[in-house]
Amino acid sequence: MQSNLKTIGYSALISLLLILPFMVMEVVNRRDYDEEFPFVLFFGLWFNAFAICLILLPVVRGWRTGKHDTANPAPARKSTLLTNPNSAAVIGVALILSPVILLLLESLGWVSLDTLVNGPNPEQTYIPGLFISLALYSLPVVGGIIAARPVARTLRARGSLFAHPINLIIVVLLVSMIAYGVASLLIDQWPCFIGVPVCD
């Protein structure tokens, strides 16, 4: 539990430090344009960076622990549903695909995601829809965290990074997709960060 809290804390701090330069650029370069600070944009950037750190940090820490703590091998733990590589991979894939399944159901007319997220009146802010959107986006992140656990556990025990290839592929693909989204958003918003008057 303490290790999980440390991972969350470090991930939150690292992701904040990663987006801090862009926040400073936004404030400094757009202070003369009388615009509201784009909290939603920076929350999105922070959350995506936070998600990447949550997935990768346990793997990196497991690798460092296994590399440096050769005198004290990690004790064997009982395999559970979330630490077993096969079940973790299946759960991870199921969580990652769940938003895709919802989109498929919407295309078939069985579920109305627009009403679910935007509410009955799209012109007004629908607070429950914000939480629903965040929850739907969080499902793949949780899937990536679960898929990464057996990899991190194996590395702590001084095993190979490629001992669980399915789990590793899930982690790499998911992190790559999130990183691509962050990079695309930063490229799109770069004119705003450097102070271009009309940048949207």
N, C-alpha and C. Protein backbone atom coordinates (compact mmCIF):
# COMPACT_ATOMS: atom_id res chain seq x y z
N MET A 1 0.84 -1.21 0.00
CA MET A 1 0.00 0.00 0.00
C MET A 1 0.87 1.26 0.00
N GLN A 2 1.91 1.25 0.84
CA GLN A 2 2.80 2.41 0.91
C GLN A 2 3.51 2.62 -0.41
N SER A 3 3.90 1.52 -1.07
CA SER A 3 4.56 1.61 -2.37
C SER A 3 3.62 2.21 -3.41
N ASN A 4 2.33 1.81 -3.37
CA ASN A 4 1.35 2.35 -4.31
C ASN A 4 1.16 3.85 -4.10
N LEU A 5 1.11 4.27 -2.84
CA LEU A 5 0.94 5.70 -2.55
C LEU A 5 2.16 6.50 -3.02
N LYS A 6 3.36 5.92 -2.85
CA LYS A 6 4.56 6.59 -3.33
C LYS A 6 4.53 6.72 -4.85
N THR A 7 4.09 5.66 -5.53
CA THR A 7 4.01 5.69 -6.99
C THR A 7 3.05 6.78 -7.45
N ILE A 8 1.90 6.88 -6.80
CA ILE A 8 0.92 7.91 -7.15
C ILE A 8 1.49 9.30 -6.90
N GLY A 9 2.14 9.47 -5.74
CA GLY A 9 2.71 10.78 -5.40
C GLY A 9 3.82 11.19 -6.35
N TYR A 10 4.74 10.27 -6.63
CA TYR A 10 5.83 10.57 -7.55
C TYR A 10 5.30 10.85 -8.96
N SER A 11 4.30 10.07 -9.38
CA SER A 11 3.73 10.25 -10.72
C SER A 11 3.07 11.62 -10.84
N ALA A 12 2.34 12.02 -9.80
CA ALA A 12 1.69 13.33 -9.82
C ALA A 12 2.72 14.45 -9.88
N LEU A 13 3.81 14.30 -9.10
CA LEU A 13 4.84 15.34 -9.06
C LEU A 13 5.60 15.41 -10.38
N ILE A 14 5.99 14.26 -10.92
CA ILE A 14 6.74 14.23 -12.18
C ILE A 14 5.92 14.83 -13.31
N SER A 15 4.65 14.45 -13.38
CA SER A 15 3.80 14.97 -14.46
C SER A 15 3.59 16.47 -14.33
N LEU A 16 3.48 16.96 -13.08
CA LEU A 16 3.36 18.41 -12.87
C LEU A 16 4.62 19.13 -13.33
N LEU A 17 5.78 18.57 -13.00
CA LEU A 17 7.05 19.18 -13.42
C LEU A 17 7.20 19.17 -14.94
N LEU A 18 6.66 18.15 -15.59
CA LEU A 18 6.76 18.06 -17.05
C LEU A 18 5.93 19.14 -17.75
N ILE A 19 4.76 19.45 -17.20
CA ILE A 19 3.91 20.44 -17.87
C ILE A 19 4.14 21.86 -17.35
N LEU A 20 4.88 22.00 -16.24
CA LEU A 20 5.11 23.32 -15.66
C LEU A 20 5.73 24.32 -16.63
N PRO A 21 6.74 23.93 -17.43
CA PRO A 21 7.29 24.91 -18.39
C PRO A 21 6.26 25.45 -19.36
N PHE A 22 5.32 24.60 -19.80
CA PHE A 22 4.29 25.06 -20.74
C PHE A 22 3.29 25.97 -20.04
N MET A 23 3.02 25.72 -18.76
CA MET A 23 2.14 26.61 -18.00
C MET A 23 2.79 27.99 -17.85
N VAL A 24 4.10 28.00 -17.57
CA VAL A 24 4.81 29.28 -17.45
C VAL A 24 4.80 30.02 -18.78
N MET A 25 5.04 29.30 -19.88
CA MET A 25 5.00 29.93 -21.21
C MET A 25 3.62 30.53 -21.49
N GLU A 26 2.58 29.79 -21.12
CA GLU A 26 1.21 30.27 -21.34
C GLU A 26 0.96 31.57 -20.58
N VAL A 27 1.36 31.59 -19.31
CA VAL A 27 1.13 32.78 -18.48
C VAL A 27 1.95 33.96 -18.98
N VAL A 28 3.23 33.73 -19.27
CA VAL A 28 4.13 34.82 -19.65
C VAL A 28 3.79 35.36 -21.04
N ASN A 29 3.58 34.48 -22.00
CA ASN A 29 3.41 34.90 -23.39
C ASN A 29 2.00 35.35 -23.74
N ARG A 30 1.02 35.07 -22.88
CA ARG A 30 -0.35 35.46 -23.22
C ARG A 30 -0.95 36.40 -22.18
N ARG A 31 -0.12 37.00 -21.33
CA ARG A 31 -0.65 37.87 -20.28
C ARG A 31 -1.27 39.15 -20.84
N ASP A 32 -0.91 39.52 -22.08
CA ASP A 32 -1.42 40.77 -22.65
C ASP A 32 -2.70 40.58 -23.45
N TYR A 33 -3.20 39.34 -23.55
CA TYR A 33 -4.36 39.07 -24.42
C TYR A 33 -5.68 38.97 -23.68
N ASP A 34 -5.67 39.18 -22.38
CA ASP A 34 -6.90 39.18 -21.58
C ASP A 34 -7.71 37.90 -21.82
N GLU A 35 -7.03 36.76 -21.68
CA GLU A 35 -7.69 35.46 -21.87
C GLU A 35 -7.72 34.70 -20.55
N GLU A 36 -8.70 33.82 -20.43
CA GLU A 36 -8.75 32.96 -19.26
C GLU A 36 -7.67 31.88 -19.39
N PHE A 37 -7.15 31.49 -18.25
CA PHE A 37 -6.14 30.42 -18.26
C PHE A 37 -6.81 29.11 -18.66
N PRO A 38 -6.23 28.36 -19.61
CA PRO A 38 -6.89 27.12 -20.10
C PRO A 38 -6.67 25.95 -19.14
N PHE A 39 -7.45 25.94 -18.05
CA PHE A 39 -7.30 24.89 -17.04
C PHE A 39 -7.57 23.50 -17.61
N VAL A 40 -8.56 23.40 -18.49
CA VAL A 40 -8.92 22.08 -19.05
C VAL A 40 -7.76 21.52 -19.88
N LEU A 41 -7.12 22.38 -20.67
CA LEU A 41 -5.98 21.96 -21.48
C LEU A 41 -4.86 21.41 -20.60
N PHE A 42 -4.51 22.15 -19.56
CA PHE A 42 -3.39 21.72 -18.73
C PHE A 42 -3.76 20.55 -17.82
N PHE A 43 -5.02 20.45 -17.45
CA PHE A 43 -5.43 19.25 -16.71
C PHE A 43 -5.30 18.03 -17.61
N GLY A 44 -5.71 18.18 -18.89
CA GLY A 44 -5.57 17.07 -19.83
C GLY A 44 -4.11 16.67 -20.03
N LEU A 45 -3.23 17.66 -20.18
CA LEU A 45 -1.80 17.36 -20.32
C LEU A 45 -1.26 16.69 -19.07
N TRP A 46 -1.63 17.23 -17.90
CA TRP A 46 -1.16 16.65 -16.65
C TRP A 46 -1.67 15.22 -16.49
N PHE A 47 -2.94 15.00 -16.78
CA PHE A 47 -3.53 13.68 -16.58
C PHE A 47 -2.88 12.64 -17.49
N ASN A 48 -2.61 13.02 -18.72
CA ASN A 48 -1.96 12.09 -19.65
C ASN A 48 -0.53 11.77 -19.20
N ALA A 49 0.21 12.79 -18.76
CA ALA A 49 1.56 12.55 -18.25
C ALA A 49 1.51 11.71 -16.97
N PHE A 50 0.51 11.98 -16.14
CA PHE A 50 0.29 11.21 -14.91
C PHE A 50 0.02 9.75 -15.23
N ALA A 51 -0.80 9.51 -16.25
CA ALA A 51 -1.12 8.14 -16.66
C ALA A 51 0.13 7.40 -17.13
N ILE A 52 0.95 8.06 -17.93
CA ILE A 52 2.19 7.43 -18.42
C ILE A 52 3.11 7.09 -17.24
N CYS A 53 3.24 8.02 -16.29
CA CYS A 53 4.10 7.77 -15.13
C CYS A 53 3.56 6.64 -14.27
N LEU A 54 2.23 6.58 -14.08
CA LEU A 54 1.64 5.52 -13.28
C LEU A 54 1.93 4.14 -13.87
N ILE A 55 1.93 4.07 -15.19
CA ILE A 55 2.18 2.78 -15.85
C ILE A 55 3.65 2.42 -15.83
N LEU A 56 4.52 3.40 -16.14
CA LEU A 56 5.94 3.11 -16.32
C LEU A 56 6.76 3.13 -15.03
N LEU A 57 6.36 3.93 -14.05
CA LEU A 57 7.18 4.10 -12.85
C LEU A 57 7.41 2.78 -12.10
N PRO A 58 6.37 1.93 -11.90
CA PRO A 58 6.64 0.65 -11.23
C PRO A 58 7.61 -0.24 -12.01
N VAL A 59 7.54 -0.19 -13.34
CA VAL A 59 8.45 -0.98 -14.16
C VAL A 59 9.89 -0.48 -13.98
N VAL A 60 10.07 0.84 -14.04
CA VAL A 60 11.41 1.42 -13.87
C VAL A 60 11.95 1.13 -12.47
N ARG A 61 11.10 1.28 -11.45
CA ARG A 61 11.54 1.00 -10.08
C ARG A 61 11.86 -0.47 -9.90
N GLY A 62 11.08 -1.36 -10.52
CA GLY A 62 11.37 -2.78 -10.45
C GLY A 62 12.69 -3.12 -11.09
N TRP A 63 12.97 -2.48 -12.23
CA TRP A 63 14.25 -2.70 -12.92
C TRP A 63 15.42 -2.23 -12.07
N ARG A 64 15.27 -1.05 -11.46
CA ARG A 64 16.36 -0.51 -10.62
C ARG A 64 16.55 -1.35 -9.37
N THR A 65 15.45 -1.80 -8.76
CA THR A 65 15.55 -2.64 -7.57
C THR A 65 16.23 -3.96 -7.89
N GLY A 66 15.82 -4.59 -8.99
CA GLY A 66 16.42 -5.86 -9.38
C GLY A 66 17.88 -5.72 -9.76
N LYS A 67 18.24 -4.56 -10.31
CA LYS A 67 19.62 -4.35 -10.76
C LYS A 67 20.55 -4.08 -9.58
N HIS A 68 20.08 -3.34 -8.59
CA HIS A 68 20.97 -2.90 -7.51
C HIS A 68 20.87 -3.77 -6.26
N ASP A 69 19.75 -4.46 -6.09
CA ASP A 69 19.56 -5.24 -4.86
C ASP A 69 19.82 -6.72 -5.13
N THR A 70 21.00 -7.04 -5.67
CA THR A 70 21.31 -8.43 -6.01
C THR A 70 21.56 -9.29 -4.78
N ALA A 71 21.92 -8.67 -3.66
CA ALA A 71 22.21 -9.44 -2.45
C ALA A 71 20.94 -9.89 -1.74
N ASN A 72 19.83 -9.18 -1.98
CA ASN A 72 18.56 -9.50 -1.32
C ASN A 72 17.48 -9.73 -2.35
N PRO A 73 17.39 -10.95 -2.88
CA PRO A 73 16.37 -11.22 -3.88
C PRO A 73 14.98 -11.04 -3.32
N ALA A 74 14.07 -10.62 -4.21
CA ALA A 74 12.70 -10.38 -3.78
C ALA A 74 12.06 -11.69 -3.35
N PRO A 75 11.33 -11.70 -2.23
CA PRO A 75 10.70 -12.93 -1.78
C PRO A 75 9.58 -13.33 -2.73
N ALA A 76 9.39 -14.65 -2.84
CA ALA A 76 8.33 -15.15 -3.73
C ALA A 76 6.98 -14.80 -3.14
N ARG A 77 6.08 -14.33 -3.96
CA ARG A 77 4.75 -13.98 -3.51
C ARG A 77 3.73 -14.91 -4.15
N LYS A 78 2.64 -15.08 -3.45
CA LYS A 78 1.57 -15.91 -3.98
C LYS A 78 0.96 -15.23 -5.19
N SER A 79 0.76 -15.98 -6.25
CA SER A 79 0.21 -15.42 -7.47
C SER A 79 -1.28 -15.13 -7.28
N THR A 80 -1.69 -13.93 -7.62
CA THR A 80 -3.10 -13.56 -7.54
C THR A 80 -3.59 -13.21 -8.93
N LEU A 81 -4.87 -12.88 -9.00
CA LEU A 81 -5.47 -12.57 -10.30
C LEU A 81 -4.77 -11.41 -10.99
N LEU A 82 -4.32 -10.41 -10.21
CA LEU A 82 -3.71 -9.22 -10.79
C LEU A 82 -2.20 -9.36 -10.98
N THR A 83 -1.57 -10.34 -10.32
CA THR A 83 -0.13 -10.51 -10.50
C THR A 83 0.19 -11.66 -11.45
N ASN A 84 -0.77 -12.53 -11.70
CA ASN A 84 -0.55 -13.58 -12.69
C ASN A 84 -0.48 -12.95 -14.07
N PRO A 85 0.60 -13.19 -14.83
CA PRO A 85 0.78 -12.50 -16.12
C PRO A 85 -0.37 -12.71 -17.10
N ASN A 86 -0.89 -13.94 -17.17
CA ASN A 86 -1.95 -14.22 -18.14
C ASN A 86 -3.24 -13.49 -17.79
N SER A 87 -3.66 -13.60 -16.52
CA SER A 87 -4.91 -12.94 -16.13
C SER A 87 -4.75 -11.41 -16.16
N ALA A 88 -3.56 -10.91 -15.79
CA ALA A 88 -3.33 -9.47 -15.84
C ALA A 88 -3.40 -8.96 -17.27
N ALA A 89 -2.89 -9.74 -18.23
CA ALA A 89 -2.96 -9.34 -19.64
C ALA A 89 -4.41 -9.32 -20.11
N VAL A 90 -5.18 -10.34 -19.74
CA VAL A 90 -6.59 -10.40 -20.16
C VAL A 90 -7.39 -9.24 -19.57
N ILE A 91 -7.20 -8.99 -18.28
CA ILE A 91 -7.91 -7.88 -17.63
C ILE A 91 -7.49 -6.55 -18.24
N GLY A 92 -6.19 -6.39 -18.49
CA GLY A 92 -5.69 -5.17 -19.09
C GLY A 92 -6.30 -4.91 -20.46
N VAL A 93 -6.33 -5.95 -21.31
CA VAL A 93 -6.91 -5.80 -22.65
C VAL A 93 -8.39 -5.48 -22.55
N ALA A 94 -9.11 -6.15 -21.62
CA ALA A 94 -10.55 -5.90 -21.46
C ALA A 94 -10.82 -4.45 -21.06
N LEU A 95 -10.02 -3.93 -20.14
CA LEU A 95 -10.22 -2.54 -19.71
C LEU A 95 -9.85 -1.55 -20.82
N ILE A 96 -8.78 -1.86 -21.55
CA ILE A 96 -8.37 -0.97 -22.65
C ILE A 96 -9.42 -0.94 -23.75
N LEU A 97 -10.05 -2.08 -24.02
CA LEU A 97 -11.02 -2.16 -25.11
C LEU A 97 -12.42 -1.71 -24.70
N SER A 98 -12.67 -1.54 -23.40
CA SER A 98 -14.02 -1.19 -22.95
C SER A 98 -14.56 0.10 -23.57
N PRO A 99 -13.76 1.19 -23.67
CA PRO A 99 -14.28 2.39 -24.36
C PRO A 99 -14.56 2.12 -25.84
N VAL A 100 -13.74 1.27 -26.47
CA VAL A 100 -13.97 0.93 -27.88
C VAL A 100 -15.29 0.18 -28.03
N ILE A 101 -15.58 -0.71 -27.08
CA ILE A 101 -16.84 -1.45 -27.12
C ILE A 101 -18.02 -0.50 -26.97
N LEU A 102 -17.88 0.49 -26.08
CA LEU A 102 -18.96 1.47 -25.92
C LEU A 102 -19.18 2.27 -27.21
N LEU A 103 -18.09 2.64 -27.88
CA LEU A 103 -18.23 3.33 -29.17
C LEU A 103 -18.91 2.45 -30.21
N LEU A 104 -18.60 1.17 -30.19
CA LEU A 104 -19.24 0.24 -31.11
C LEU A 104 -20.73 0.12 -30.82
N LEU A 105 -21.08 0.04 -29.53
CA LEU A 105 -22.49 -0.02 -29.15
C LEU A 105 -23.22 1.26 -29.55
N GLU A 106 -22.54 2.40 -29.45
CA GLU A 106 -23.15 3.66 -29.88
C GLU A 106 -23.39 3.66 -31.38
N SER A 107 -22.43 3.14 -32.15
CA SER A 107 -22.60 3.10 -33.62
C SER A 107 -23.75 2.19 -34.02
N LEU A 108 -24.05 1.19 -33.18
CA LEU A 108 -25.18 0.30 -33.45
C LEU A 108 -26.50 0.88 -32.94
N GLY A 109 -26.43 1.99 -32.23
CA GLY A 109 -27.64 2.63 -31.71
C GLY A 109 -28.11 2.05 -30.40
N TRP A 110 -27.30 1.25 -29.73
CA TRP A 110 -27.70 0.64 -28.48
C TRP A 110 -27.40 1.52 -27.28
N VAL A 111 -26.39 2.38 -27.41
CA VAL A 111 -25.99 3.27 -26.31
C VAL A 111 -25.80 4.67 -26.89
N SER A 112 -26.27 5.69 -26.18
CA SER A 112 -26.06 7.07 -26.61
C SER A 112 -24.99 7.71 -25.73
N LEU A 113 -23.76 7.65 -26.20
CA LEU A 113 -22.67 8.26 -25.43
C LEU A 113 -22.80 9.77 -25.36
N ASP A 114 -23.37 10.37 -26.41
CA ASP A 114 -23.53 11.83 -26.44
C ASP A 114 -24.42 12.28 -25.28
N THR A 115 -25.54 11.58 -25.09
CA THR A 115 -26.43 11.92 -23.98
C THR A 115 -25.79 11.59 -22.65
N LEU A 116 -25.05 10.48 -22.61
CA LEU A 116 -24.41 10.05 -21.38
C LEU A 116 -23.37 11.05 -20.91
N VAL A 117 -22.61 11.61 -21.86
CA VAL A 117 -21.51 12.52 -21.51
C VAL A 117 -21.97 13.97 -21.44
N ASN A 118 -22.82 14.39 -22.39
CA ASN A 118 -23.22 15.80 -22.47
C ASN A 118 -24.54 16.10 -21.78
N GLY A 119 -25.28 15.06 -21.38
CA GLY A 119 -26.54 15.27 -20.69
C GLY A 119 -27.68 15.59 -21.65
N PRO A 120 -28.86 15.83 -21.12
CA PRO A 120 -30.02 16.11 -21.97
C PRO A 120 -29.93 17.43 -22.71
N ASN A 121 -29.18 18.39 -22.14
CA ASN A 121 -29.03 19.70 -22.76
C ASN A 121 -27.55 19.97 -23.01
N PRO A 122 -27.05 19.68 -24.23
CA PRO A 122 -25.61 19.83 -24.50
C PRO A 122 -25.08 21.25 -24.34
N GLU A 123 -25.97 22.26 -24.37
CA GLU A 123 -25.52 23.64 -24.26
C GLU A 123 -25.11 24.00 -22.83
N GLN A 124 -25.53 23.20 -21.86
CA GLN A 124 -25.17 23.45 -20.47
C GLN A 124 -24.13 22.44 -20.02
N THR A 125 -23.26 22.87 -19.10
CA THR A 125 -22.24 21.98 -18.57
C THR A 125 -22.90 20.88 -17.75
N TYR A 126 -22.57 19.64 -18.10
CA TYR A 126 -23.15 18.48 -17.43
C TYR A 126 -22.07 17.85 -16.56
N ILE A 127 -22.13 18.14 -15.25
CA ILE A 127 -21.08 17.72 -14.32
C ILE A 127 -20.92 16.20 -14.28
N PRO A 128 -22.02 15.43 -14.18
CA PRO A 128 -21.83 13.96 -14.18
C PRO A 128 -21.12 13.47 -15.45
N GLY A 129 -21.36 14.16 -16.57
CA GLY A 129 -20.72 13.76 -17.81
C GLY A 129 -19.20 13.92 -17.76
N LEU A 130 -18.73 14.94 -17.02
CA LEU A 130 -17.29 15.12 -16.87
C LEU A 130 -16.67 13.94 -16.14
N PHE A 131 -17.35 13.49 -15.08
CA PHE A 131 -16.84 12.34 -14.33
C PHE A 131 -16.94 11.05 -15.15
N ILE A 132 -18.00 10.93 -15.94
CA ILE A 132 -18.15 9.75 -16.80
C ILE A 132 -17.03 9.73 -17.84
N SER A 133 -16.73 10.88 -18.44
CA SER A 133 -15.65 10.96 -19.43
C SER A 133 -14.31 10.60 -18.80
N LEU A 134 -14.07 11.13 -17.59
CA LEU A 134 -12.82 10.83 -16.89
C LEU A 134 -12.72 9.34 -16.56
N ALA A 135 -13.84 8.75 -16.15
CA ALA A 135 -13.85 7.32 -15.82
C ALA A 135 -13.59 6.48 -17.07
N LEU A 136 -14.22 6.85 -18.19
CA LEU A 136 -14.01 6.09 -19.43
C LEU A 136 -12.57 6.20 -19.90
N TYR A 137 -11.97 7.37 -19.74
CA TYR A 137 -10.57 7.54 -20.14
C TYR A 137 -9.64 6.80 -19.18
N SER A 138 -10.06 6.69 -17.91
CA SER A 138 -9.21 6.05 -16.91
C SER A 138 -9.16 4.54 -17.06
N LEU A 139 -10.19 3.95 -17.67
CA LEU A 139 -10.21 2.48 -17.79
C LEU A 139 -9.00 1.92 -18.53
N PRO A 140 -8.62 2.47 -19.70
CA PRO A 140 -7.40 1.96 -20.34
C PRO A 140 -6.15 2.17 -19.50
N VAL A 141 -6.10 3.27 -18.75
CA VAL A 141 -4.94 3.53 -17.89
C VAL A 141 -4.84 2.45 -16.81
N VAL A 142 -5.97 2.13 -16.20
CA VAL A 142 -6.00 1.05 -15.19
C VAL A 142 -5.57 -0.26 -15.82
N GLY A 143 -6.04 -0.50 -17.06
CA GLY A 143 -5.63 -1.71 -17.77
C GLY A 143 -4.13 -1.76 -17.98
N GLY A 144 -3.52 -0.63 -18.31
CA GLY A 144 -2.07 -0.57 -18.48
C GLY A 144 -1.33 -0.81 -17.18
N ILE A 145 -1.86 -0.26 -16.08
CA ILE A 145 -1.23 -0.46 -14.77
C ILE A 145 -1.27 -1.94 -14.38
N ILE A 146 -2.42 -2.58 -14.60
CA ILE A 146 -2.56 -4.00 -14.27
C ILE A 146 -1.63 -4.85 -15.14
N ALA A 147 -1.57 -4.54 -16.42
CA ALA A 147 -0.71 -5.31 -17.33
C ALA A 147 0.76 -5.14 -16.98
N ALA A 148 1.13 -3.98 -16.43
CA ALA A 148 2.54 -3.72 -16.11
C ALA A 148 2.99 -4.37 -14.81
N ARG A 149 2.06 -4.76 -13.96
CA ARG A 149 2.44 -5.30 -12.65
C ARG A 149 3.30 -6.56 -12.73
N PRO A 150 2.93 -7.56 -13.55
CA PRO A 150 3.81 -8.74 -13.63
C PRO A 150 5.20 -8.42 -14.19
N VAL A 151 5.28 -7.45 -15.09
CA VAL A 151 6.58 -7.05 -15.64
C VAL A 151 7.43 -6.44 -14.53
N ALA A 152 6.85 -5.53 -13.74
CA ALA A 152 7.59 -4.90 -12.64
C ALA A 152 7.99 -5.93 -11.60
N ARG A 153 7.09 -6.86 -11.31
CA ARG A 153 7.38 -7.90 -10.31
C ARG A 153 8.54 -8.78 -10.76
N THR A 154 8.55 -9.15 -12.03
CA THR A 154 9.62 -9.98 -12.57
C THR A 154 10.96 -9.24 -12.53
N LEU A 155 10.94 -7.96 -12.86
CA LEU A 155 12.17 -7.17 -12.83
C LEU A 155 12.71 -7.03 -11.42
N ARG A 156 11.81 -6.88 -10.44
CA ARG A 156 12.26 -6.81 -9.04
C ARG A 156 12.95 -8.10 -8.62
N ALA A 157 12.48 -9.22 -9.19
CA ALA A 157 13.09 -10.52 -8.88
C ALA A 157 14.29 -10.81 -9.79
N ARG A 158 14.80 -9.78 -10.48
CA ARG A 158 15.95 -9.88 -11.38
C ARG A 158 15.67 -10.77 -12.58
N GLY A 159 14.42 -10.80 -13.01
CA GLY A 159 14.06 -11.52 -14.22
C GLY A 159 14.23 -10.65 -15.45
N SER A 160 13.86 -11.20 -16.59
CA SER A 160 14.02 -10.50 -17.87
C SER A 160 12.84 -9.56 -18.13
N LEU A 161 13.14 -8.45 -18.78
CA LEU A 161 12.09 -7.52 -19.19
C LEU A 161 11.11 -8.18 -20.14
N PHE A 162 11.60 -9.16 -20.90
CA PHE A 162 10.78 -9.81 -21.93
C PHE A 162 10.19 -11.13 -21.44
N ALA A 163 10.14 -11.33 -20.12
CA ALA A 163 9.59 -12.58 -19.58
C ALA A 163 8.10 -12.70 -19.85
N HIS A 164 7.41 -11.57 -19.93
CA HIS A 164 5.96 -11.58 -20.18
C HIS A 164 5.69 -10.69 -21.40
N PRO A 165 5.91 -11.21 -22.61
CA PRO A 165 5.85 -10.36 -23.81
C PRO A 165 4.48 -9.75 -24.07
N ILE A 166 3.40 -10.47 -23.77
CA ILE A 166 2.05 -9.91 -24.01
C ILE A 166 1.85 -8.68 -23.14
N ASN A 167 2.20 -8.80 -21.86
CA ASN A 167 2.04 -7.67 -20.95
C ASN A 167 2.90 -6.49 -21.39
N LEU A 168 4.12 -6.79 -21.82
CA LEU A 168 5.03 -5.73 -22.27
C LEU A 168 4.49 -5.03 -23.51
N ILE A 169 3.93 -5.81 -24.43
CA ILE A 169 3.35 -5.22 -25.65
C ILE A 169 2.19 -4.30 -25.29
N ILE A 170 1.33 -4.74 -24.36
CA ILE A 170 0.20 -3.91 -23.92
C ILE A 170 0.70 -2.59 -23.36
N VAL A 171 1.72 -2.66 -22.50
CA VAL A 171 2.26 -1.46 -21.87
C VAL A 171 2.86 -0.53 -22.92
N VAL A 172 3.67 -1.08 -23.82
CA VAL A 172 4.33 -0.25 -24.83
C VAL A 172 3.32 0.41 -25.76
N LEU A 173 2.32 -0.35 -26.22
CA LEU A 173 1.32 0.21 -27.13
C LEU A 173 0.50 1.30 -26.45
N LEU A 174 0.07 1.04 -25.22
CA LEU A 174 -0.76 2.01 -24.52
C LEU A 174 0.01 3.29 -24.22
N VAL A 175 1.23 3.14 -23.71
CA VAL A 175 2.05 4.32 -23.41
C VAL A 175 2.36 5.10 -24.68
N SER A 176 2.62 4.37 -25.78
CA SER A 176 2.90 5.04 -27.05
C SER A 176 1.70 5.84 -27.53
N MET A 177 0.50 5.26 -27.39
CA MET A 177 -0.72 5.97 -27.81
C MET A 177 -0.95 7.23 -26.98
N ILE A 178 -0.76 7.12 -25.66
CA ILE A 178 -0.96 8.29 -24.80
C ILE A 178 0.10 9.35 -25.09
N ALA A 179 1.35 8.91 -25.28
CA ALA A 179 2.43 9.85 -25.58
C ALA A 179 2.19 10.54 -26.92
N TYR A 180 1.68 9.81 -27.90
CA TYR A 180 1.37 10.41 -29.20
C TYR A 180 0.28 11.48 -29.04
N GLY A 181 -0.72 11.18 -28.22
CA GLY A 181 -1.78 12.17 -27.97
C GLY A 181 -1.24 13.42 -27.31
N VAL A 182 -0.35 13.25 -26.33
CA VAL A 182 0.26 14.40 -25.65
C VAL A 182 1.09 15.22 -26.63
N ALA A 183 1.91 14.54 -27.43
CA ALA A 183 2.75 15.24 -28.40
C ALA A 183 1.91 16.00 -29.42
N SER A 184 0.82 15.38 -29.88
CA SER A 184 -0.07 16.04 -30.85
C SER A 184 -0.70 17.29 -30.24
N LEU A 185 -1.12 17.18 -28.98
CA LEU A 185 -1.72 18.33 -28.30
C LEU A 185 -0.72 19.46 -28.11
N LEU A 186 0.50 19.10 -27.73
CA LEU A 186 1.54 20.12 -27.55
C LEU A 186 1.88 20.81 -28.87
N ILE A 187 1.97 20.04 -29.94
CA ILE A 187 2.25 20.63 -31.26
C ILE A 187 1.12 21.54 -31.68
N ASP A 188 -0.11 21.11 -31.43
CA ASP A 188 -1.28 21.91 -31.81
C ASP A 188 -1.33 23.22 -31.03
N GLN A 189 -0.95 23.18 -29.75
CA GLN A 189 -1.05 24.36 -28.89
C GLN A 189 0.24 25.18 -28.84
N TRP A 190 1.28 24.73 -29.53
CA TRP A 190 2.56 25.43 -29.47
C TRP A 190 2.47 26.91 -29.85
N PRO A 191 1.71 27.26 -30.91
CA PRO A 191 1.58 28.70 -31.23
C PRO A 191 1.02 29.51 -30.05
N CYS A 192 0.09 28.91 -29.30
CA CYS A 192 -0.45 29.61 -28.13
C CYS A 192 0.60 29.76 -27.05
N PHE A 193 1.41 28.72 -26.86
CA PHE A 193 2.45 28.78 -25.82
C PHE A 193 3.49 29.86 -26.11
N ILE A 194 3.78 30.09 -27.40
CA ILE A 194 4.83 31.06 -27.74
C ILE A 194 4.26 32.46 -27.97
N GLY A 195 2.93 32.61 -27.79
CA GLY A 195 2.35 33.95 -27.80
C GLY A 195 1.78 34.42 -29.12
N VAL A 196 1.47 33.53 -30.06
CA VAL A 196 0.81 33.94 -31.30
C VAL A 196 -0.58 34.49 -30.96
N PRO A 197 -0.92 35.69 -31.43
CA PRO A 197 -2.19 36.32 -31.01
C PRO A 197 -3.42 35.46 -31.29
N VAL A 198 -3.60 34.99 -32.52
CA VAL A 198 -4.75 34.14 -32.85
C VAL A 198 -4.20 32.75 -33.14
N CYS A 199 -4.34 31.85 -32.18
CA CYS A 199 -3.66 30.56 -32.29
C CYS A 199 -4.62 29.38 -32.36
N ASP A 200 -5.90 29.57 -32.10
CA ASP A 200 -6.85 28.46 -32.13
C ASP A 200 -7.47 28.30 -33.52
